[in-house]
């Protein structure tokens, strides 16, 4: 089973990568830019595997570049809160 099959697993996976990037000294702006690039890749190359991913893709597709960057930033913020990573689907 892929981390993309379960949204909770995806959030945990993303949270681990964000923490690794922070420990490696990546600055917040750089981290958010990487999240934006990954979001663009996922939106174009990966089929959503669950309802949460479909919603994120729809929001991504509906937004302009600024809104997509805000969404990527919110995803980073979401997974940095340990209360959110293990909660929900």
N, C-alpha and C. Protein backbone atom coordinates (compact mmCIF):
# COMPACT_ATOMS: atom_id res chain seq x y z
N UNK A 1 0.85 -1.19 0.00
CA UNK A 1 0.00 0.00 0.00
C UNK A 1 0.89 1.24 0.00
N UNK A 2 0.59 2.17 -0.85
CA UNK A 2 1.33 3.42 -0.99
C UNK A 2 0.88 4.43 0.06
N UNK A 3 1.77 5.36 0.43
CA UNK A 3 1.37 6.43 1.36
C UNK A 3 0.26 7.29 0.77
N UNK A 4 0.10 7.23 -0.54
CA UNK A 4 -0.96 8.02 -1.17
C UNK A 4 -2.33 7.37 -1.02
N UNK A 5 -2.38 6.12 -0.61
CA UNK A 5 -3.66 5.44 -0.47
C UNK A 5 -4.44 5.89 0.76
N UNK A 6 -3.75 6.38 1.77
CA UNK A 6 -4.37 6.75 3.02
C UNK A 6 -3.91 8.16 3.38
N UNK A 7 -4.85 9.08 3.58
CA UNK A 7 -4.49 10.47 3.81
C UNK A 7 -3.71 10.65 5.11
N UNK A 8 -4.03 9.87 6.13
CA UNK A 8 -3.29 9.96 7.39
C UNK A 8 -1.83 9.58 7.16
N UNK A 9 -1.61 8.51 6.39
CA UNK A 9 -0.24 8.10 6.07
C UNK A 9 0.47 9.18 5.26
N UNK A 10 -0.25 9.81 4.33
CA UNK A 10 0.34 10.87 3.51
C UNK A 10 0.77 12.04 4.38
N UNK A 11 -0.10 12.44 5.32
CA UNK A 11 0.25 13.55 6.21
C UNK A 11 1.46 13.19 7.07
N UNK A 12 1.51 11.97 7.58
CA UNK A 12 2.66 11.54 8.38
C UNK A 12 3.93 11.55 7.54
N UNK A 13 3.84 11.04 6.31
CA UNK A 13 4.98 11.01 5.41
C UNK A 13 5.48 12.43 5.12
N UNK A 14 4.55 13.32 4.78
CA UNK A 14 4.92 14.70 4.50
C UNK A 14 5.51 15.36 5.74
N UNK A 15 4.93 15.10 6.89
CA UNK A 15 5.44 15.67 8.13
C UNK A 15 6.88 15.24 8.41
N UNK A 16 7.17 13.97 8.14
CA UNK A 16 8.54 13.46 8.33
C UNK A 16 9.51 14.16 7.38
N UNK A 17 9.11 14.35 6.12
CA UNK A 17 9.98 15.02 5.15
C UNK A 17 10.20 16.48 5.53
N UNK A 18 9.16 17.13 6.01
CA UNK A 18 9.29 18.54 6.43
C UNK A 18 10.25 18.62 7.60
N UNK A 19 10.12 17.72 8.55
CA UNK A 19 11.02 17.74 9.71
C UNK A 19 12.47 17.48 9.29
N UNK A 20 12.68 16.55 8.36
CA UNK A 20 14.03 16.29 7.85
C UNK A 20 14.61 17.52 7.18
N UNK A 21 13.79 18.21 6.40
CA UNK A 21 14.26 19.42 5.72
C UNK A 21 14.64 20.50 6.73
N UNK A 22 13.83 20.66 7.76
CA UNK A 22 14.14 21.65 8.80
C UNK A 22 15.44 21.30 9.52
N UNK A 23 15.62 20.02 9.83
CA UNK A 23 16.84 19.60 10.52
C UNK A 23 18.06 19.78 9.62
N UNK A 24 17.87 19.70 8.32
CA UNK A 24 18.98 19.89 7.38
C UNK A 24 19.28 21.37 7.17
N UNK A 25 18.49 22.25 7.80
CA UNK A 25 18.75 23.67 7.73
C UNK A 25 17.99 24.41 6.64
N UNK A 26 17.00 23.76 6.04
CA UNK A 26 16.23 24.42 4.99
C UNK A 26 15.38 25.53 5.61
N UNK A 27 15.44 26.71 5.02
CA UNK A 27 14.68 27.84 5.53
C UNK A 27 13.21 27.71 5.14
N UNK A 28 12.37 28.41 5.89
CA UNK A 28 10.92 28.33 5.71
C UNK A 28 10.49 28.66 4.27
N UNK A 29 11.02 29.73 3.71
CA UNK A 29 10.64 30.11 2.35
C UNK A 29 11.03 29.04 1.33
N UNK A 30 12.21 28.46 1.52
CA UNK A 30 12.66 27.39 0.62
C UNK A 30 11.77 26.17 0.77
N UNK A 31 11.43 25.83 2.00
CA UNK A 31 10.56 24.69 2.26
C UNK A 31 9.19 24.88 1.61
N UNK A 32 8.65 26.07 1.73
CA UNK A 32 7.35 26.34 1.12
C UNK A 32 7.43 26.31 -0.40
N UNK A 33 8.53 26.75 -0.97
CA UNK A 33 8.71 26.69 -2.41
C UNK A 33 8.80 25.24 -2.89
N UNK A 34 9.50 24.42 -2.14
CA UNK A 34 9.59 22.99 -2.48
C UNK A 34 8.20 22.36 -2.39
N UNK A 35 7.45 22.71 -1.35
CA UNK A 35 6.09 22.17 -1.20
C UNK A 35 5.22 22.58 -2.39
N UNK A 36 5.38 23.80 -2.86
CA UNK A 36 4.63 24.28 -4.02
C UNK A 36 5.01 23.46 -5.27
N UNK A 37 6.29 23.22 -5.46
CA UNK A 37 6.74 22.43 -6.62
C UNK A 37 6.22 20.99 -6.54
N UNK A 38 6.25 20.41 -5.35
CA UNK A 38 5.74 19.05 -5.18
C UNK A 38 4.23 19.03 -5.42
N UNK A 39 3.53 20.04 -4.93
CA UNK A 39 2.09 20.11 -5.17
C UNK A 39 1.77 20.17 -6.65
N UNK A 40 2.53 20.94 -7.40
CA UNK A 40 2.32 21.00 -8.84
C UNK A 40 2.57 19.66 -9.51
N UNK A 41 3.63 18.99 -9.08
CA UNK A 41 3.94 17.67 -9.64
C UNK A 41 2.80 16.69 -9.34
N UNK A 42 2.38 16.65 -8.08
CA UNK A 42 1.31 15.72 -7.70
C UNK A 42 0.02 16.02 -8.47
N UNK A 43 -0.31 17.29 -8.61
CA UNK A 43 -1.54 17.67 -9.31
C UNK A 43 -1.53 17.23 -10.77
N UNK A 44 -0.35 17.24 -11.38
CA UNK A 44 -0.26 16.90 -12.80
C UNK A 44 0.05 15.43 -13.07
N UNK A 45 0.74 14.78 -12.14
CA UNK A 45 1.27 13.45 -12.44
C UNK A 45 0.65 12.30 -11.64
N UNK A 46 -0.04 12.59 -10.55
CA UNK A 46 -0.52 11.53 -9.66
C UNK A 46 -2.04 11.61 -9.55
N UNK A 47 -2.68 10.48 -9.82
CA UNK A 47 -4.13 10.42 -9.66
C UNK A 47 -4.48 10.39 -8.17
N UNK A 48 -5.45 11.19 -7.74
CA UNK A 48 -5.86 11.17 -6.34
C UNK A 48 -6.34 9.77 -5.95
N UNK A 49 -5.95 9.32 -4.75
CA UNK A 49 -6.29 7.98 -4.30
C UNK A 49 -7.45 7.95 -3.31
N UNK A 50 -7.86 9.11 -2.82
CA UNK A 50 -8.94 9.15 -1.83
C UNK A 50 -9.65 10.51 -1.92
N UNK A 51 -10.71 10.64 -1.14
CA UNK A 51 -11.51 11.88 -1.20
C UNK A 51 -10.71 13.12 -0.82
N UNK A 52 -9.84 13.01 0.17
CA UNK A 52 -9.06 14.16 0.61
C UNK A 52 -8.11 14.62 -0.50
N UNK A 53 -7.46 13.69 -1.16
CA UNK A 53 -6.55 14.04 -2.25
C UNK A 53 -7.30 14.61 -3.44
N UNK A 54 -8.51 14.10 -3.70
CA UNK A 54 -9.32 14.67 -4.78
C UNK A 54 -9.69 16.12 -4.48
N UNK A 55 -10.04 16.39 -3.22
CA UNK A 55 -10.37 17.76 -2.83
C UNK A 55 -9.15 18.66 -2.97
N UNK A 56 -7.99 18.21 -2.51
CA UNK A 56 -6.78 19.02 -2.65
C UNK A 56 -6.47 19.30 -4.12
N UNK A 57 -6.63 18.30 -4.96
CA UNK A 57 -6.38 18.50 -6.40
C UNK A 57 -7.36 19.51 -6.98
N UNK A 58 -8.64 19.42 -6.61
CA UNK A 58 -9.63 20.37 -7.11
C UNK A 58 -9.30 21.78 -6.65
N UNK A 59 -8.91 21.93 -5.39
CA UNK A 59 -8.53 23.25 -4.89
C UNK A 59 -7.30 23.77 -5.62
N UNK A 60 -6.32 22.88 -5.83
CA UNK A 60 -5.09 23.25 -6.53
C UNK A 60 -5.43 23.73 -7.94
N UNK A 61 -6.23 22.94 -8.64
CA UNK A 61 -6.59 23.27 -10.03
C UNK A 61 -7.40 24.55 -10.13
N UNK A 62 -8.20 24.85 -9.11
CA UNK A 62 -9.04 26.05 -9.13
C UNK A 62 -8.25 27.32 -8.84
N UNK A 63 -7.10 27.17 -8.17
CA UNK A 63 -6.35 28.34 -7.74
C UNK A 63 -5.35 28.84 -8.76
N UNK A 64 -5.01 30.11 -8.62
CA UNK A 64 -3.91 30.66 -9.41
C UNK A 64 -2.60 30.37 -8.65
N UNK A 65 -1.47 30.82 -9.17
CA UNK A 65 -0.18 30.51 -8.57
C UNK A 65 -0.10 30.95 -7.11
N UNK A 66 -0.57 32.13 -6.81
CA UNK A 66 -0.53 32.64 -5.44
C UNK A 66 -1.36 31.75 -4.50
N UNK A 67 -2.53 31.35 -4.95
CA UNK A 67 -3.39 30.51 -4.14
C UNK A 67 -2.80 29.10 -3.98
N UNK A 68 -2.15 28.60 -5.03
CA UNK A 68 -1.50 27.30 -4.93
C UNK A 68 -0.35 27.35 -3.93
N UNK A 69 0.40 28.44 -3.92
CA UNK A 69 1.48 28.60 -2.95
C UNK A 69 0.92 28.66 -1.53
N UNK A 70 -0.22 29.33 -1.37
CA UNK A 70 -0.86 29.40 -0.05
C UNK A 70 -1.32 28.01 0.39
N UNK A 71 -1.87 27.23 -0.53
CA UNK A 71 -2.31 25.87 -0.21
C UNK A 71 -1.12 25.00 0.18
N UNK A 72 -0.02 25.11 -0.55
CA UNK A 72 1.18 24.35 -0.22
C UNK A 72 1.70 24.75 1.16
N UNK A 73 1.69 26.04 1.45
CA UNK A 73 2.13 26.54 2.75
C UNK A 73 1.24 26.00 3.86
N UNK A 74 -0.06 25.96 3.62
CA UNK A 74 -0.99 25.42 4.62
C UNK A 74 -0.76 23.93 4.86
N UNK A 75 -0.45 23.18 3.81
CA UNK A 75 -0.16 21.76 3.98
C UNK A 75 1.09 21.57 4.84
N UNK A 76 2.11 22.38 4.62
CA UNK A 76 3.32 22.31 5.44
C UNK A 76 2.96 22.63 6.89
N UNK A 77 2.18 23.67 7.09
CA UNK A 77 1.78 24.05 8.44
C UNK A 77 0.95 22.95 9.08
N UNK A 78 0.05 22.34 8.34
CA UNK A 78 -0.79 21.27 8.84
C UNK A 78 0.04 20.11 9.38
N UNK A 79 1.04 19.70 8.63
CA UNK A 79 1.81 18.53 9.05
C UNK A 79 2.84 18.85 10.11
N UNK A 80 3.10 20.13 10.37
CA UNK A 80 4.02 20.50 11.44
C UNK A 80 3.34 20.47 12.79
N UNK A 81 2.01 20.42 12.82
CA UNK A 81 1.26 20.33 14.06
C UNK A 81 1.01 18.86 14.36
N UNK A 82 1.67 18.30 15.38
CA UNK A 82 1.54 16.87 15.66
C UNK A 82 0.10 16.45 15.96
N UNK A 83 -0.73 17.36 16.40
CA UNK A 83 -2.12 17.03 16.65
C UNK A 83 -2.89 16.75 15.37
N UNK A 84 -2.45 17.34 14.26
CA UNK A 84 -3.13 17.15 12.98
C UNK A 84 -2.64 15.94 12.21
N UNK A 85 -1.40 15.55 12.40
CA UNK A 85 -0.82 14.48 11.59
C UNK A 85 -1.53 13.16 11.83
N UNK A 86 -1.86 12.84 13.05
CA UNK A 86 -2.45 11.55 13.37
C UNK A 86 -3.95 11.57 13.49
N UNK A 87 -4.56 12.70 13.22
CA UNK A 87 -5.99 12.83 13.35
C UNK A 87 -6.65 12.75 11.99
N UNK A 88 -7.83 12.19 11.92
CA UNK A 88 -8.58 12.15 10.67
C UNK A 88 -8.10 11.05 9.75
N UNK A 89 -8.69 11.04 8.56
CA UNK A 89 -8.35 9.99 7.57
C UNK A 89 -7.04 10.24 6.94
